[in-house]
Amino acid sequence: MTSTNKSIAGVVTALLLLAAFAFAAPRPNKSAQTVPPLPAIFGNARYVYVTSYDGDQFDPNLFPEDRQAIGAVQSAIRKWGKLTVVYQYHDADIVLMVMSRPSEDALAVYDAHGWPRSQYLWRMTGRNGLQSSETPLVTDFQKAFELIAK
């Protein structure tokens, strides 16, 4: 092998190693991202209604994944203890809208006083964000809520 061929082989090997390291590098996960701030309007909220984009948990046509996500969010909120879960939106200060799909879950916060015609005021998405065993999107909501409650 000539010195030119050795140099080319060395450069190619180095490039392949760099590419392998780049693909193997850890990717930032959801918890490493910054949680967006929750509007201060929710600072005095005490009651929360949890529903999905396709209907409430008692809707017989609701996707089972959404029904499970509603239950998981309600359970996490009860366990947290800062808000009280209610079962009719007109009794709530906050409406949490959930959606659970294989590709991504979503949790959005609405002002219950303008709901259902209002725009969401806070939203997070993530893969496996609303599972029954772990609800990282609810944890993000709790962090944002704690910041404005101070």
C-alpha atoms as a PDB file:
ATOM      1  CA  MET A   1       0.000   0.000   0.000  1.00  0.00           C
ATOM      2  CA  THR A   2       1.384   3.400  -0.931  1.00  0.00           C
ATOM      3  CA  SER A   3       1.572   6.279   1.504  1.00  0.00           C
ATOM      4  CA  THR A   4      -1.232   8.096  -0.376  1.00  0.00           C
ATOM      5  CA  ASN A   5      -3.536   5.083  -0.018  1.00  0.00           C
ATOM      6  CA  LYS A   6      -2.624   4.823   3.684  1.00  0.00           C
ATOM      7  CA  SER A   7      -3.459   8.504   4.181  1.00  0.00           C
ATOM      8  CA  ILE A   8      -6.818   8.121   2.443  1.00  0.00           C
ATOM      9  CA  ALA A   9      -7.590   4.980   4.451  1.00  0.00           C
ATOM     10  CA  GLY A  10      -6.691   6.821   7.668  1.00  0.00           C
ATOM     11  CA  VAL A  11      -8.935   9.789   6.815  1.00  0.00           C
ATOM     12  CA  VAL A  12     -11.840   7.495   5.883  1.00  0.00           C
ATOM     13  CA  THR A  13     -11.411   5.545   9.128  1.00  0.00           C
ATOM     14  CA  ALA A  14     -11.331   8.744  11.157  1.00  0.00           C
ATOM     15  CA  LEU A  15     -14.483  10.038   9.439  1.00  0.00           C
ATOM     16  CA  LEU A  16     -16.288   6.760  10.056  1.00  0.00           C
ATOM     17  CA  LEU A  17     -15.329   6.859  13.734  1.00  0.00           C
ATOM     18  CA  LEU A  18     -16.533  10.467  14.056  1.00  0.00           C
ATOM     19  CA  ALA A  19     -19.826   9.567  12.378  1.00  0.00           C
ATOM     20  CA  ALA A  20     -20.280   6.588  14.709  1.00  0.00           C
ATOM     21  CA  PHE A  21     -19.665   8.781  17.764  1.00  0.00           C
ATOM     22  CA  ALA A  22     -22.091  11.411  16.493  1.00  0.00           C
ATOM     23  CA  PHE A  23     -24.887   8.862  16.110  1.00  0.00           C
ATOM     24  CA  ALA A  24     -24.079   7.208  19.435  1.00  0.00           C
ATOM     25  CA  ALA A  25     -24.042  10.498  21.362  1.00  0.00           C
ATOM     26  CA  PRO A  26     -26.892  10.775  23.859  1.00  0.00           C
ATOM     27  CA  ARG A  27     -29.778  12.857  22.649  1.00  0.00           C
ATOM     28  CA  PRO A  28     -31.338  15.373  25.019  1.00  0.00           C
ATOM     29  CA  ASN A  29     -34.496  13.900  26.499  1.00  0.00           C
ATOM     30  CA  LYS A  30     -37.752  15.558  27.491  1.00  0.00           C
ATOM     31  CA  SER A  31     -36.670  16.096  31.085  1.00  0.00           C
ATOM     32  CA  ALA A  32     -33.592  17.990  29.920  1.00  0.00           C
ATOM     33  CA  GLN A  33     -35.733  20.498  28.052  1.00  0.00           C
ATOM     34  CA  THR A  34     -36.983  23.628  29.736  1.00  0.00           C
ATOM     35  CA  VAL A  35     -40.582  23.565  30.879  1.00  0.00           C
ATOM     36  CA  PRO A  36     -42.439  26.544  29.400  1.00  0.00           C
ATOM     37  CA  PRO A  37     -43.902  28.947  31.956  1.00  0.00           C
ATOM     38  CA  LEU A  38     -47.546  28.618  32.875  1.00  0.00           C
ATOM     39  CA  PRO A  39     -49.528  31.884  32.640  1.00  0.00           C
ATOM     40  CA  ALA A  40     -49.856  33.624  36.006  1.00  0.00           C
ATOM     41  CA  ILE A  41     -53.647  33.580  35.635  1.00  0.00           C
ATOM     42  CA  PHE A  42     -53.545  30.011  36.983  1.00  0.00           C
ATOM     43  CA  GLY A  43     -51.741  30.973  40.201  1.00  0.00           C
ATOM     44  CA  ASN A  44     -54.934  30.844  42.279  1.00  0.00           C
ATOM     45  CA  ALA A  45     -56.464  27.806  40.567  1.00  0.00           C
ATOM     46  CA  ARG A  46     -57.755  25.062  42.841  1.00  0.00           C
ATOM     47  CA  TYR A  47     -60.027  22.870  40.707  1.00  0.00           C
ATOM     48  CA  VAL A  48     -59.115  20.957  37.554  1.00  0.00           C
ATOM     49  CA  TYR A  49     -61.181  19.081  34.987  1.00  0.00           C
ATOM     50  CA  VAL A  50     -59.389  16.466  32.866  1.00  0.00           C
ATOM     51  CA  THR A  51     -60.732  15.497  29.448  1.00  0.00           C
ATOM     52  CA  SER A  52     -59.478  14.540  26.000  1.00  0.00           C
ATOM     53  CA  TYR A  53     -59.715  16.175  22.611  1.00  0.00           C
ATOM     54  CA  ASP A  54     -62.186  13.473  21.564  1.00  0.00           C
ATOM     55  CA  GLY A  55     -64.509  13.564  24.602  1.00  0.00           C
ATOM     56  CA  ASP A  56     -64.637  13.018  28.337  1.00  0.00           C
ATOM     57  CA  GLN A  57     -63.704   9.783  30.066  1.00  0.00           C
ATOM     58  CA  PHE A  58     -67.312   8.540  30.083  1.00  0.00           C
ATOM     59  CA  ASP A  59     -67.781   8.927  26.313  1.00  0.00           C
ATOM     60  CA  PRO A  60     -68.301   5.395  24.936  1.00  0.00           C
ATOM     61  CA  ASN A  61     -66.621   6.396  21.643  1.00  0.00           C
ATOM     62  CA  LEU A  62     -63.428   7.610  23.318  1.00  0.00           C
ATOM     63  CA  PHE A  63     -60.186   5.891  22.337  1.00  0.00           C
ATOM     64  CA  PRO A  64     -59.100   3.528  25.140  1.00  0.00           C
ATOM     65  CA  GLU A  65     -55.647   5.188  25.178  1.00  0.00           C
ATOM     66  CA  ASP A  66     -57.247   8.581  25.857  1.00  0.00           C
ATOM     67  CA  ARG A  67     -59.463   7.147  28.609  1.00  0.00           C
ATOM     68  CA  GLN A  68     -56.368   5.618  30.216  1.00  0.00           C
ATOM     69  CA  ALA A  69     -54.494   8.930  29.883  1.00  0.00           C
ATOM     70  CA  ILE A  70     -57.350  10.819  31.577  1.00  0.00           C
ATOM     71  CA  GLY A  71     -57.237   8.344  34.471  1.00  0.00           C
ATOM     72  CA  ALA A  72     -53.445   8.569  34.725  1.00  0.00           C
ATOM     73  CA  VAL A  73     -53.532  12.383  34.790  1.00  0.00           C
ATOM     74  CA  GLN A  74     -56.339  12.443  37.372  1.00  0.00           C
ATOM     75  CA  SER A  75     -54.421   9.995  39.540  1.00  0.00           C
ATOM     76  CA  ALA A  76     -51.198  12.033  39.300  1.00  0.00           C
ATOM     77  CA  ILE A  77     -53.066  15.260  40.149  1.00  0.00           C
ATOM     78  CA  ARG A  78     -54.719  13.646  43.186  1.00  0.00           C
ATOM     79  CA  LYS A  79     -51.385  12.229  44.356  1.00  0.00           C
ATOM     80  CA  TRP A  80     -49.747  15.651  43.970  1.00  0.00           C
ATOM     81  CA  GLY A  81     -52.446  17.223  46.166  1.00  0.00           C
ATOM     82  CA  LYS A  82     -52.231  20.850  44.982  1.00  0.00           C
ATOM     83  CA  LEU A  83     -55.397  20.743  42.844  1.00  0.00           C
ATOM     84  CA  THR A  84     -58.762  19.038  43.270  1.00  0.00           C
ATOM     85  CA  VAL A  85     -60.112  16.967  40.371  1.00  0.00           C
ATOM     86  CA  VAL A  86     -63.707  17.788  39.399  1.00  0.00           C
ATOM     87  CA  TYR A  87     -65.928  15.975  36.921  1.00  0.00           C
ATOM     88  CA  GLN A  88     -67.652  18.879  35.166  1.00  0.00           C
ATOM     89  CA  TYR A  89     -65.742  21.660  33.441  1.00  0.00           C
ATOM     90  CA  HIS A  90     -67.980  24.419  34.825  1.00  0.00           C
ATOM     91  CA  ASP A  91     -66.778  23.492  38.341  1.00  0.00           C
ATOM     92  CA  ALA A  92     -63.115  23.909  37.318  1.00  0.00           C
ATOM     93  CA  ASP A  93     -60.566  26.713  37.169  1.00  0.00           C
ATOM     94  CA  ILE A  94     -58.329  24.767  34.781  1.00  0.00           C
ATOM     95  CA  VAL A  95     -59.130  22.272  32.025  1.00  0.00           C
ATOM     96  CA  LEU A  96     -56.418  19.762  31.153  1.00  0.00           C
ATOM     97  CA  MET A  97     -56.856  18.289  27.669  1.00  0.00           C
ATOM     98  CA  VAL A  98     -55.004  15.072  26.951  1.00  0.00           C
ATOM     99  CA  MET A  99     -54.303  13.006  23.881  1.00  0.00           C
ATOM    100  CA  SER A 100     -52.453   9.708  23.868  1.00  0.00           C
ATOM    101  CA  ARG A 101     -51.247   8.218  20.610  1.00  0.00           C
ATOM    102  CA  PRO A 102     -48.492   5.677  19.893  1.00  0.00           C
ATOM    103  CA  SER A 103     -46.346   8.401  18.324  1.00  0.00           C
ATOM    104  CA  GLU A 104     -46.850  11.150  20.902  1.00  0.00           C
ATOM    105  CA  ASP A 105     -48.877  12.241  23.927  1.00  0.00           C
ATOM    106  CA  ALA A 106     -50.075  15.786  24.590  1.00  0.00           C
ATOM    107  CA  LEU A 107     -51.205  17.736  27.637  1.00  0.00           C
ATOM    108  CA  ALA A 108     -52.696  21.204  27.163  1.00  0.00           C
ATOM    109  CA  VAL A 109     -53.984  23.679  29.738  1.00  0.00           C
ATOM    110  CA  TYR A 110     -57.050  25.829  29.143  1.00  0.00           C
ATOM    111  CA  ASP A 111     -58.758  28.468  31.239  1.00  0.00           C
ATOM    112  CA  ALA A 112     -62.002  26.759  32.272  1.00  0.00           C
ATOM    113  CA  HIS A 113     -63.877  30.062  32.276  1.00  0.00           C
ATOM    114  CA  GLY A 114     -63.491  30.441  28.509  1.00  0.00           C
ATOM    115  CA  TRP A 115     -63.527  26.753  27.642  1.00  0.00           C
ATOM    116  CA  PRO A 116     -64.382  25.101  25.231  1.00  0.00           C
ATOM    117  CA  ARG A 117     -64.029  28.086  22.906  1.00  0.00           C
ATOM    118  CA  SER A 118     -60.669  29.280  24.214  1.00  0.00           C
ATOM    119  CA  GLN A 119     -57.141  28.591  22.962  1.00  0.00           C
ATOM    120  CA  TYR A 120     -54.765  26.550  25.052  1.00  0.00           C
ATOM    121  CA  LEU A 121     -52.488  28.644  27.253  1.00  0.00           C
ATOM    122  CA  TRP A 122     -49.826  26.012  27.942  1.00  0.00           C
ATOM    123  CA  ARG A 123     -48.954  22.771  26.167  1.00  0.00           C
ATOM    124  CA  MET A 124     -46.369  19.992  26.322  1.00  0.00           C
ATOM    125  CA  THR A 125     -45.942  16.934  24.139  1.00  0.00           C
ATOM    126  CA  GLY A 126     -43.777  13.860  24.345  1.00  0.00           C
ATOM    127  CA  ARG A 127     -43.592  10.186  23.615  1.00  0.00           C
ATOM    128  CA  ASN A 128     -45.060   8.072  26.454  1.00  0.00           C
ATOM    129  CA  GLY A 129     -45.861  11.231  28.404  1.00  0.00           C
ATOM    130  CA  LEU A 130     -49.180  10.081  29.888  1.00  0.00           C
ATOM    131  CA  GLN A 131     -48.787   6.419  30.773  1.00  0.00           C
ATOM    132  CA  SER A 132     -50.440   4.971  33.879  1.00  0.00           C
ATOM    133  CA  SER A 133     -47.117   4.132  35.522  1.00  0.00           C
ATOM    134  CA  GLU A 134     -45.393   7.433  34.740  1.00  0.00           C
ATOM    135  CA  THR A 135     -46.699  10.816  33.625  1.00  0.00           C
ATOM    136  CA  PRO A 136     -43.761  13.095  32.754  1.00  0.00           C
ATOM    137  CA  LEU A 137     -46.066  15.624  31.059  1.00  0.00           C
ATOM    138  CA  VAL A 138     -47.991  16.006  34.325  1.00  0.00           C
ATOM    139  CA  THR A 139     -44.678  16.423  36.141  1.00  0.00           C
ATOM    140  CA  ASP A 140     -43.830  19.247  33.716  1.00  0.00           C
ATOM    141  CA  PHE A 141     -47.227  20.834  34.410  1.00  0.00           C
ATOM    142  CA  GLN A 142     -46.637  20.533  38.164  1.00  0.00           C
ATOM    143  CA  LYS A 143     -43.225  22.229  37.853  1.00  0.00           C
ATOM    144  CA  ALA A 144     -44.754  25.084  35.864  1.00  0.00           C
ATOM    145  CA  PHE A 145     -47.621  25.405  38.364  1.00  0.00           C
ATOM    146  CA  GLU A 146     -45.247  25.458  41.341  1.00  0.00           C
ATOM    147  CA  LEU A 147     -43.298  28.345  39.783  1.00  0.00           C
ATOM    148  CA  ILE A 148     -46.364  30.594  39.535  1.00  0.00           C
ATOM    149  CA  ALA A 149     -47.815  29.514  42.894  1.00  0.00           C
ATOM    150  CA  LYS A 150     -44.831  31.019  44.748  1.00  0.00           C
END
